[in-house]
């Protein structure tokens, strides 16, 4: 993902802590804290995706909305925060 001006502006409005998990072979976890204030003990939202879907998303073979609606992306916690991040990441170049 390129950090374009539009994406930076969209993500600047986000407040919360997100854990992004890729499960399976080659998986990893990333914790991202948006906004001011201390890092909370637990993330506000957890987004999980399997490694195969993650690779397909990265290559553009899988549309993020289709992945979510098809159950390949799971969200636990604050759905509004997850949507804000998704919209920020998907903002036009």
C-alpha atoms as a PDB file:
ATOM      1  CA  UNK A   1       0.000   0.000   0.000  1.00  0.00           C
ATOM      2  CA  UNK A   2       1.282   3.419  -0.926  1.00  0.00           C
ATOM      3  CA  UNK A   3       0.717   6.166   1.629  1.00  0.00           C
ATOM      4  CA  UNK A   4      -0.860   8.721  -0.665  1.00  0.00           C
ATOM      5  CA  UNK A   5      -2.051  12.122   0.568  1.00  0.00           C
ATOM      6  CA  UNK A   6      -5.698  10.961   0.404  1.00  0.00           C
ATOM      7  CA  UNK A   7      -4.929   7.851   2.464  1.00  0.00           C
ATOM      8  CA  UNK A   8      -2.944   9.804   5.057  1.00  0.00           C
ATOM      9  CA  UNK A   9      -5.795  12.287   5.439  1.00  0.00           C
ATOM     10  CA  UNK A  10      -8.381   9.511   5.789  1.00  0.00           C
ATOM     11  CA  UNK A  11      -6.307   7.609   8.365  1.00  0.00           C
ATOM     12  CA  UNK A  12      -5.568  10.800  10.341  1.00  0.00           C
ATOM     13  CA  UNK A  13      -9.194  10.767  11.511  1.00  0.00           C
ATOM     14  CA  UNK A  14      -9.000   7.243  12.935  1.00  0.00           C
ATOM     15  CA  UNK A  15      -8.878   6.721  16.713  1.00  0.00           C
ATOM     16  CA  UNK A  16      -8.249   3.255  18.180  1.00  0.00           C
ATOM     17  CA  UNK A  17      -6.036   0.194  18.317  1.00  0.00           C
ATOM     18  CA  UNK A  18      -6.210  -2.606  15.747  1.00  0.00           C
ATOM     19  CA  UNK A  19      -4.584  -6.030  15.669  1.00  0.00           C
ATOM     20  CA  UNK A  20      -4.244  -7.418  12.146  1.00  0.00           C
ATOM     21  CA  UNK A  21      -3.568 -11.171  11.996  1.00  0.00           C
ATOM     22  CA  UNK A  22      -2.640 -13.313   9.035  1.00  0.00           C
ATOM     23  CA  UNK A  23      -3.166 -16.956  10.006  1.00  0.00           C
ATOM     24  CA  UNK A  24      -1.440 -19.980   8.532  1.00  0.00           C
ATOM     25  CA  UNK A  25       1.946 -20.595   6.980  1.00  0.00           C
ATOM     26  CA  UNK A  26       3.946 -17.390   6.843  1.00  0.00           C
ATOM     27  CA  UNK A  27       1.420 -15.670   9.079  1.00  0.00           C
ATOM     28  CA  UNK A  28       2.119 -12.675  11.268  1.00  0.00           C
ATOM     29  CA  UNK A  29       0.400 -10.160  13.526  1.00  0.00           C
ATOM     30  CA  UNK A  30       0.597  -6.390  13.432  1.00  0.00           C
ATOM     31  CA  UNK A  31      -0.632  -4.009  16.119  1.00  0.00           C
ATOM     32  CA  UNK A  32      -1.463  -0.467  14.982  1.00  0.00           C
ATOM     33  CA  UNK A  33      -2.458   2.372  17.289  1.00  0.00           C
ATOM     34  CA  UNK A  34      -4.172   5.380  15.719  1.00  0.00           C
ATOM     35  CA  UNK A  35      -4.627   8.723  17.451  1.00  0.00           C
ATOM     36  CA  UNK A  36      -3.368  10.219  20.684  1.00  0.00           C
ATOM     37  CA  UNK A  37      -3.247   8.629  24.089  1.00  0.00           C
ATOM     38  CA  UNK A  38      -1.619   5.562  25.573  1.00  0.00           C
ATOM     39  CA  UNK A  39      -1.668   2.134  23.977  1.00  0.00           C
ATOM     40  CA  UNK A  40      -4.566   0.159  25.506  1.00  0.00           C
ATOM     41  CA  UNK A  41      -4.057  -3.263  27.081  1.00  0.00           C
ATOM     42  CA  UNK A  42      -6.210  -4.875  24.378  1.00  0.00           C
ATOM     43  CA  UNK A  43      -6.883  -3.830  20.792  1.00  0.00           C
ATOM     44  CA  UNK A  44     -10.228  -2.201  20.043  1.00  0.00           C
ATOM     45  CA  UNK A  45     -10.603  -4.343  16.933  1.00  0.00           C
ATOM     46  CA  UNK A  46      -9.029  -7.545  15.633  1.00  0.00           C
ATOM     47  CA  UNK A  47      -9.011  -8.282  11.900  1.00  0.00           C
ATOM     48  CA  UNK A  48      -8.120 -11.834  10.867  1.00  0.00           C
ATOM     49  CA  UNK A  49      -7.452 -13.249   7.417  1.00  0.00           C
ATOM     50  CA  UNK A  50      -5.984 -16.560   6.283  1.00  0.00           C
ATOM     51  CA  UNK A  51      -2.624 -16.498   4.491  1.00  0.00           C
ATOM     52  CA  UNK A  52      -4.080 -17.558   1.130  1.00  0.00           C
ATOM     53  CA  UNK A  53      -6.692 -14.787   1.156  1.00  0.00           C
ATOM     54  CA  UNK A  54      -4.034 -12.286   2.262  1.00  0.00           C
ATOM     55  CA  UNK A  55      -1.857 -13.171  -0.744  1.00  0.00           C
ATOM     56  CA  UNK A  56      -4.872 -12.870  -3.066  1.00  0.00           C
ATOM     57  CA  UNK A  57      -5.774  -9.478  -1.568  1.00  0.00           C
ATOM     58  CA  UNK A  58      -2.219  -8.208  -1.968  1.00  0.00           C
ATOM     59  CA  UNK A  59      -2.014  -9.319  -5.595  1.00  0.00           C
ATOM     60  CA  UNK A  60      -5.388  -7.786  -6.453  1.00  0.00           C
ATOM     61  CA  UNK A  61      -6.935 -11.153  -7.327  1.00  0.00           C
ATOM     62  CA  UNK A  62      -9.406 -10.830  -4.435  1.00  0.00           C
ATOM     63  CA  UNK A  63     -11.534  -7.767  -3.787  1.00  0.00           C
ATOM     64  CA  UNK A  64     -11.560  -6.738  -0.075  1.00  0.00           C
ATOM     65  CA  UNK A  65     -15.341  -6.383   0.006  1.00  0.00           C
ATOM     66  CA  UNK A  66     -15.827  -9.823  -1.567  1.00  0.00           C
ATOM     67  CA  UNK A  67     -13.325 -11.289   0.916  1.00  0.00           C
ATOM     68  CA  UNK A  68     -15.233  -9.822   3.858  1.00  0.00           C
ATOM     69  CA  UNK A  69     -18.677 -10.808   2.578  1.00  0.00           C
ATOM     70  CA  UNK A  70     -17.353 -14.299   1.778  1.00  0.00           C
ATOM     71  CA  UNK A  71     -16.099 -14.787   5.342  1.00  0.00           C
ATOM     72  CA  UNK A  72     -12.416 -14.726   4.398  1.00  0.00           C
ATOM     73  CA  UNK A  73     -11.860 -11.664   6.592  1.00  0.00           C
ATOM     74  CA  UNK A  74     -13.157 -11.811  10.157  1.00  0.00           C
ATOM     75  CA  UNK A  75     -13.590  -8.758  12.364  1.00  0.00           C
ATOM     76  CA  UNK A  76     -13.973  -8.858  16.143  1.00  0.00           C
ATOM     77  CA  UNK A  77     -14.644  -5.772  18.212  1.00  0.00           C
ATOM     78  CA  UNK A  78     -15.392  -2.284  16.927  1.00  0.00           C
ATOM     79  CA  UNK A  79     -16.697  -2.750  13.383  1.00  0.00           C
ATOM     80  CA  UNK A  80     -16.831   1.022  12.822  1.00  0.00           C
ATOM     81  CA  UNK A  81     -13.079   1.262  13.484  1.00  0.00           C
ATOM     82  CA  UNK A  82     -12.425  -1.565  11.023  1.00  0.00           C
ATOM     83  CA  UNK A  83     -14.523   0.236   8.390  1.00  0.00           C
ATOM     84  CA  UNK A  84     -12.679   3.535   8.959  1.00  0.00           C
ATOM     85  CA  UNK A  85      -9.349   1.796   8.408  1.00  0.00           C
ATOM     86  CA  UNK A  86     -10.615  -0.047   5.339  1.00  0.00           C
ATOM     87  CA  UNK A  87     -11.900   3.185   3.812  1.00  0.00           C
ATOM     88  CA  UNK A  88      -8.597   4.905   4.596  1.00  0.00           C
ATOM     89  CA  UNK A  89      -6.546   2.128   3.052  1.00  0.00           C
ATOM     90  CA  UNK A  90      -8.786   1.960  -0.012  1.00  0.00           C
ATOM     91  CA  UNK A  91      -8.875   5.735  -0.560  1.00  0.00           C
ATOM     92  CA  UNK A  92      -8.035   6.599  -4.165  1.00  0.00           C
ATOM     93  CA  UNK A  93      -4.456   7.403  -5.087  1.00  0.00           C
END
